Amino acid sequence: MGERGWTGLTTNAVAEVAGVSIGSLYQYFPNKLALIEAVRRRHFDDVLAVLRAAADEKTSRQRRIAALVDGMITIHSRYPAAHRVLLEESPRGADSRKTCDVFETACRKGYEALFKVNSRRETDVRVGAQVLAGAVAGAVHEAARQDTLASPMLRAELVNLVVLFLSKRGPCSV
């Protein structure tokens, strides 16, 4: 999907890569938009699973932060070109908008839970979670575009960013 982009994606090509007949593919996905929606939902589920692991109080803070960074890098490393198509090229129907709305709400709540469990800052949880979510997503998505997700330095810098942001240190004055 990623190499061909949205316009180059065909159900025939998907069936061929999957090793199934086109009839079998259509049995589950009536068109390519339904197929892309299934991929999008799976991606959303993967992101939410990472957020749950990063908010699990049964593990140490260090492991929770590693779960966040490593999980997000792993998810976005699987098919970075396909992820670009999901975010930037594919159309979104009414079902997609609802799916995205549900995901965004769950993602916000997931980051808020993560922030509450891991933060030592005295700040508004919603705002802190929003900033953290934007920083992590921005860094990971940019690394996917730059093809640097496998960089150990990227991982180290993301861990540092998250640890420092969640630390007790107060706001900086500029």
C-alpha atoms as a PDB file:
ATOM      1  CA  MET A   1       0.000   0.000   0.000  1.00  0.00           C
ATOM      2  CA  GLY A   2       2.686   2.462   0.983  1.00  0.00           C
ATOM      3  CA  GLU A   3       4.777   2.195  -2.142  1.00  0.00           C
ATOM      4  CA  ARG A   4       1.845   2.741  -4.506  1.00  0.00           C
ATOM      5  CA  GLY A   5      -0.082   5.293  -2.484  1.00  0.00           C
ATOM      6  CA  TRP A   6      -3.851   5.508  -2.197  1.00  0.00           C
ATOM      7  CA  THR A   7      -4.502   5.870  -5.929  1.00  0.00           C
ATOM      8  CA  GLY A   8      -2.251   2.909  -6.738  1.00  0.00           C
ATOM      9  CA  LEU A   9      -3.876   0.637  -4.174  1.00  0.00           C
ATOM     10  CA  THR A  10      -6.126  -1.966  -5.762  1.00  0.00           C
ATOM     11  CA  THR A  11      -8.084  -4.785  -4.219  1.00  0.00           C
ATOM     12  CA  ASN A  12      -6.548  -7.123  -6.832  1.00  0.00           C
ATOM     13  CA  ALA A  13      -3.043  -6.233  -5.632  1.00  0.00           C
ATOM     14  CA  VAL A  14      -4.059  -6.699  -1.983  1.00  0.00           C
ATOM     15  CA  ALA A  15      -5.589 -10.103  -2.753  1.00  0.00           C
ATOM     16  CA  GLU A  16      -2.433 -11.130  -4.594  1.00  0.00           C
ATOM     17  CA  VAL A  17      -0.110 -10.065  -1.754  1.00  0.00           C
ATOM     18  CA  ALA A  18      -2.394 -11.731   0.804  1.00  0.00           C
ATOM     19  CA  GLY A  19      -2.472 -14.931  -1.251  1.00  0.00           C
ATOM     20  CA  VAL A  20      -6.269 -15.040  -1.451  1.00  0.00           C
ATOM     21  CA  SER A  21      -8.739 -14.830  -4.299  1.00  0.00           C
ATOM     22  CA  ILE A  22     -10.347 -11.498  -5.062  1.00  0.00           C
ATOM     23  CA  GLY A  23     -13.712 -13.098  -4.209  1.00  0.00           C
ATOM     24  CA  SER A  24     -12.455 -14.033  -0.746  1.00  0.00           C
ATOM     25  CA  LEU A  25     -11.190 -10.503  -0.197  1.00  0.00           C
ATOM     26  CA  TYR A  26     -14.537  -9.023  -1.241  1.00  0.00           C
ATOM     27  CA  GLN A  27     -16.283 -11.366   1.161  1.00  0.00           C
ATOM     28  CA  TYR A  28     -14.668  -9.401   4.031  1.00  0.00           C
ATOM     29  CA  PHE A  29     -13.968  -6.023   2.434  1.00  0.00           C
ATOM     30  CA  PRO A  30     -16.463  -4.763  -0.167  1.00  0.00           C
ATOM     31  CA  ASN A  31     -14.068  -2.078  -1.450  1.00  0.00           C
ATOM     32  CA  LYS A  32     -10.665  -0.566  -0.806  1.00  0.00           C
ATOM     33  CA  LEU A  33     -12.075   2.046   1.566  1.00  0.00           C
ATOM     34  CA  ALA A  34     -13.414  -0.753   3.809  1.00  0.00           C
ATOM     35  CA  LEU A  35     -10.003  -2.385   3.662  1.00  0.00           C
ATOM     36  CA  ILE A  36      -8.181   0.808   4.637  1.00  0.00           C
ATOM     37  CA  GLU A  37     -10.657   1.383   7.472  1.00  0.00           C
ATOM     38  CA  ALA A  38      -9.808  -2.056   8.875  1.00  0.00           C
ATOM     39  CA  VAL A  39      -6.109  -1.206   8.719  1.00  0.00           C
ATOM     40  CA  ARG A  40      -6.757   2.172  10.361  1.00  0.00           C
ATOM     41  CA  ARG A  41      -8.775   0.551  13.189  1.00  0.00           C
ATOM     42  CA  ARG A  42      -5.991  -1.968  13.787  1.00  0.00           C
ATOM     43  CA  HIS A  43      -3.448   0.839  13.997  1.00  0.00           C
ATOM     44  CA  PHE A  44      -5.655   2.695  16.468  1.00  0.00           C
ATOM     45  CA  ASP A  45      -6.015  -0.465  18.580  1.00  0.00           C
ATOM     46  CA  ASP A  46      -2.226  -0.889  18.611  1.00  0.00           C
ATOM     47  CA  VAL A  47      -1.699   2.708  19.760  1.00  0.00           C
ATOM     48  CA  LEU A  48      -4.248   2.321  22.556  1.00  0.00           C
ATOM     49  CA  ALA A  49      -2.582  -0.912  23.717  1.00  0.00           C
ATOM     50  CA  VAL A  50       0.740   0.947  23.993  1.00  0.00           C
ATOM     51  CA  LEU A  51      -0.914   3.684  26.037  1.00  0.00           C
ATOM     52  CA  ARG A  52      -2.442   1.121  28.400  1.00  0.00           C
ATOM     53  CA  ALA A  53       0.976  -0.492  28.923  1.00  0.00           C
ATOM     54  CA  ALA A  54       2.519   2.925  29.599  1.00  0.00           C
ATOM     55  CA  ALA A  55      -0.082   3.598  32.312  1.00  0.00           C
ATOM     56  CA  ASP A  56       0.174   0.191  34.020  1.00  0.00           C
ATOM     57  CA  GLU A  57       0.984   0.915  37.662  1.00  0.00           C
ATOM     58  CA  LYS A  58       2.158  -2.672  38.196  1.00  0.00           C
ATOM     59  CA  THR A  59       5.390  -1.894  36.347  1.00  0.00           C
ATOM     60  CA  SER A  60       8.101   0.605  37.183  1.00  0.00           C
ATOM     61  CA  ARG A  61       8.021   4.152  35.823  1.00  0.00           C
ATOM     62  CA  GLN A  62      11.144   3.413  33.806  1.00  0.00           C
ATOM     63  CA  ARG A  63       9.457   0.416  32.145  1.00  0.00           C
ATOM     64  CA  ARG A  64       6.272   2.386  31.510  1.00  0.00           C
ATOM     65  CA  ILE A  65       8.208   5.132  29.727  1.00  0.00           C
ATOM     66  CA  ALA A  66      10.144   2.540  27.720  1.00  0.00           C
ATOM     67  CA  ALA A  67       6.820   0.868  26.842  1.00  0.00           C
ATOM     68  CA  LEU A  68       5.532   4.176  25.474  1.00  0.00           C
ATOM     69  CA  VAL A  69       8.593   5.018  23.407  1.00  0.00           C
ATOM     70  CA  ASP A  70       9.378   1.496  22.210  1.00  0.00           C
ATOM     71  CA  GLY A  71       5.735   0.757  21.507  1.00  0.00           C
ATOM     72  CA  MET A  72       5.178   3.861  19.410  1.00  0.00           C
ATOM     73  CA  ILE A  73       8.397   3.296  17.482  1.00  0.00           C
ATOM     74  CA  THR A  74       7.491  -0.352  16.853  1.00  0.00           C
ATOM     75  CA  ILE A  75       3.975   0.416  15.652  1.00  0.00           C
ATOM     76  CA  HIS A  76       5.184   3.062  13.241  1.00  0.00           C
ATOM     77  CA  SER A  77       8.142   0.972  12.053  1.00  0.00           C
ATOM     78  CA  ARG A  78       6.015  -1.873  10.715  1.00  0.00           C
ATOM     79  CA  TYR A  79       4.833  -0.163   7.540  1.00  0.00           C
ATOM     80  CA  PRO A  80       5.923   3.493   7.598  1.00  0.00           C
ATOM     81  CA  ALA A  81       4.918   4.165   3.986  1.00  0.00           C
ATOM     82  CA  ALA A  82       1.497   2.617   4.568  1.00  0.00           C
ATOM     83  CA  HIS A  83       1.086   4.753   7.671  1.00  0.00           C
ATOM     84  CA  ARG A  84       1.695   7.860   5.549  1.00  0.00           C
ATOM     85  CA  VAL A  85      -1.056   6.733   3.176  1.00  0.00           C
ATOM     86  CA  LEU A  86      -3.422   6.193   6.132  1.00  0.00           C
ATOM     87  CA  LEU A  87      -2.762   9.667   7.531  1.00  0.00           C
ATOM     88  CA  GLU A  88      -2.237  11.792   4.458  1.00  0.00           C
ATOM     89  CA  GLU A  89      -3.778  10.247   1.363  1.00  0.00           C
ATOM     90  CA  SER A  90      -6.728   7.978   1.992  1.00  0.00           C
ATOM     91  CA  PRO A  91     -10.206   9.470   2.027  1.00  0.00           C
ATOM     92  CA  ARG A  92     -12.378   9.256   5.102  1.00  0.00           C
ATOM     93  CA  GLY A  93     -16.041   8.388   4.950  1.00  0.00           C
ATOM     94  CA  ALA A  94     -18.686   8.832   7.634  1.00  0.00           C
ATOM     95  CA  ASP A  95     -17.669   5.584   9.350  1.00  0.00           C
ATOM     96  CA  SER A  96     -14.062   6.706   9.349  1.00  0.00           C
ATOM     97  CA  ARG A  97     -14.900  10.011  11.001  1.00  0.00           C
ATOM     98  CA  LYS A  98     -16.743   8.190  13.773  1.00  0.00           C
ATOM     99  CA  THR A  99     -13.845   5.737  14.178  1.00  0.00           C
ATOM    100  CA  CYS A 100     -11.374   8.632  14.326  1.00  0.00           C
ATOM    101  CA  ASP A 101     -13.506  10.516  16.851  1.00  0.00           C
ATOM    102  CA  VAL A 102     -13.739   7.454  19.111  1.00  0.00           C
ATOM    103  CA  PHE A 103      -9.988   6.891  18.768  1.00  0.00           C
ATOM    104  CA  GLU A 104      -9.110  10.504  19.524  1.00  0.00           C
ATOM    105  CA  THR A 105     -11.216  10.423  22.695  1.00  0.00           C
ATOM    106  CA  ALA A 106      -9.700   7.107  23.806  1.00  0.00           C
ATOM    107  CA  CYS A 107      -6.191   8.313  22.926  1.00  0.00           C
ATOM    108  CA  ARG A 108      -6.664  11.523  24.931  1.00  0.00           C
ATOM    109  CA  LYS A 109      -7.906   9.518  27.913  1.00  0.00           C
ATOM    110  CA  GLY A 110      -5.009   7.093  27.479  1.00  0.00           C
ATOM    111  CA  TYR A 111      -2.448   9.889  27.545  1.00  0.00           C
ATOM    112  CA  GLU A 112      -4.191  11.449  30.543  1.00  0.00           C
ATOM    113  CA  ALA A 113      -3.999   8.132  32.421  1.00  0.00           C
ATOM    114  CA  LEU A 114      -0.352   7.765  31.405  1.00  0.00           C
ATOM    115  CA  PHE A 115       0.364  11.323  32.532  1.00  0.00           C
ATOM    116  CA  LYS A 116      -1.329  10.828  35.926  1.00  0.00           C
ATOM    117  CA  VAL A 117       0.634   7.652  36.649  1.00  0.00           C
ATOM    118  CA  ASN A 118       4.025   8.857  35.403  1.00  0.00           C
ATOM    119  CA  SER A 119       4.162  12.595  35.958  1.00  0.00           C
ATOM    120  CA  ARG A 120       5.771  14.292  38.915  1.00  0.00           C
ATOM    121  CA  ARG A 121       4.746  17.707  37.620  1.00  0.00           C
ATOM    122  CA  GLU A 122       2.176  19.919  39.212  1.00  0.00           C
ATOM    123  CA  THR A 123       0.208  20.889  36.161  1.00  0.00           C
ATOM    124  CA  ASP A 124      -3.180  20.394  34.565  1.00  0.00           C
ATOM    125  CA  VAL A 125      -3.387  16.725  33.542  1.00  0.00           C
ATOM    126  CA  ARG A 126      -5.301  17.418  30.343  1.00  0.00           C
ATOM    127  CA  VAL A 127      -2.822  20.033  29.127  1.00  0.00           C
ATOM    128  CA  GLY A 128       0.201  17.973  30.166  1.00  0.00           C
ATOM    129  CA  ALA A 129      -1.191  14.912  28.389  1.00  0.00           C
ATOM    130  CA  GLN A 130      -1.939  16.965  25.274  1.00  0.00           C
ATOM    131  CA  VAL A 131       1.608  18.321  25.109  1.00  0.00           C
ATOM    132  CA  LEU A 132       3.123  14.886  25.702  1.00  0.00           C
ATOM    133  CA  ALA A 133       0.896  13.260  23.060  1.00  0.00           C
ATOM    134  CA  GLY A 134       1.782  15.928  20.521  1.00  0.00           C
ATOM    135  CA  ALA A 135       5.497  15.686  21.238  1.00  0.00           C
ATOM    136  CA  VAL A 136       5.627  11.896  20.979  1.00  0.00           C
ATOM    137  CA  ALA A 137       3.375  11.682  17.917  1.00  0.00           C
ATOM    138  CA  GLY A 138       5.189  14.513  16.176  1.00  0.00           C
ATOM    139  CA  ALA A 139       8.623  13.024  16.797  1.00  0.00           C
ATOM    140  CA  VAL A 140       7.584   9.510  15.774  1.00  0.00           C
ATOM    141  CA  HIS A 141       5.695  10.595  12.659  1.00  0.00           C
ATOM    142  CA  GLU A 142       8.576  12.823  11.554  1.00  0.00           C
ATOM    143  CA  ALA A 143      11.042   9.981  12.136  1.00  0.00           C
ATOM    144  CA  ALA A 144       8.836   7.742   9.989  1.00  0.00           C
ATOM    145  CA  ARG A 145       8.921  10.349   7.201  1.00  0.00           C
ATOM    146  CA  GLN A 146      12.709  10.690   7.573  1.00  0.00           C
ATOM    147  CA  ASP A 147      13.173   6.883   7.759  1.00  0.00           C
ATOM    148  CA  THR A 148      14.999   7.152  11.107  1.00  0.00           C
ATOM    149  CA  LEU A 149      12.702   5.092  13.335  1.00  0.00           C
ATOM    150  CA  ALA A 150      15.383   2.414  13.765  1.00  0.00           C
ATOM    151  CA  SER A 151      17.908   4.918  15.122  1.00  0.00           C
ATOM    152  CA  PRO A 152      19.036   4.135  18.686  1.00  0.00           C
ATOM    153  CA  MET A 153      19.704   7.856  19.089  1.00  0.00           C
ATOM    154  CA  LEU A 154      16.079   8.649  18.230  1.00  0.00           C
ATOM    155  CA  ARG A 155      14.908   6.213  20.907  1.00  0.00           C
ATOM    156  CA  ALA A 156      17.308   7.674  23.473  1.00  0.00           C
ATOM    157  CA  GLU A 157      16.214  11.237  22.705  1.00  0.00           C
ATOM    158  CA  LEU A 158      12.531  10.313  22.897  1.00  0.00           C
ATOM    159  CA  VAL A 159      13.064   8.611  26.263  1.00  0.00           C
ATOM    160  CA  ASN A 160      14.936  11.707  27.477  1.00  0.00           C
ATOM    161  CA  LEU A 161      12.171  13.983  26.214  1.00  0.00           C
ATOM    162  CA  VAL A 162       9.461  11.975  28.007  1.00  0.00           C
ATOM    163  CA  VAL A 163      11.438  11.594  31.254  1.00  0.00           C
ATOM    164  CA  LEU A 164      12.317  15.282  31.395  1.00  0.00           C
ATOM    165  CA  PHE A 165       8.796  16.375  30.542  1.00  0.00           C
ATOM    166  CA  LEU A 166       7.297  14.153  33.236  1.00  0.00           C
ATOM    167  CA  SER A 167       9.856  15.236  35.840  1.00  0.00           C
ATOM    168  CA  LYS A 168       8.930  17.457  38.759  1.00  0.00           C
ATOM    169  CA  ARG A 169      10.841  20.428  37.454  1.00  0.00           C
ATOM    170  CA  GLY A 170       8.624  23.455  37.132  1.00  0.00           C
ATOM    171  CA  PRO A 171       7.889  25.607  34.102  1.00  0.00           C
ATOM    172  CA  CYS A 172      10.670  27.448  32.354  1.00  0.00           C
ATOM    173  CA  SER A 173      10.429  31.184  31.972  1.00  0.00           C
ATOM    174  CA  VAL A 174      11.318  32.654  28.621  1.00  0.00           C
END
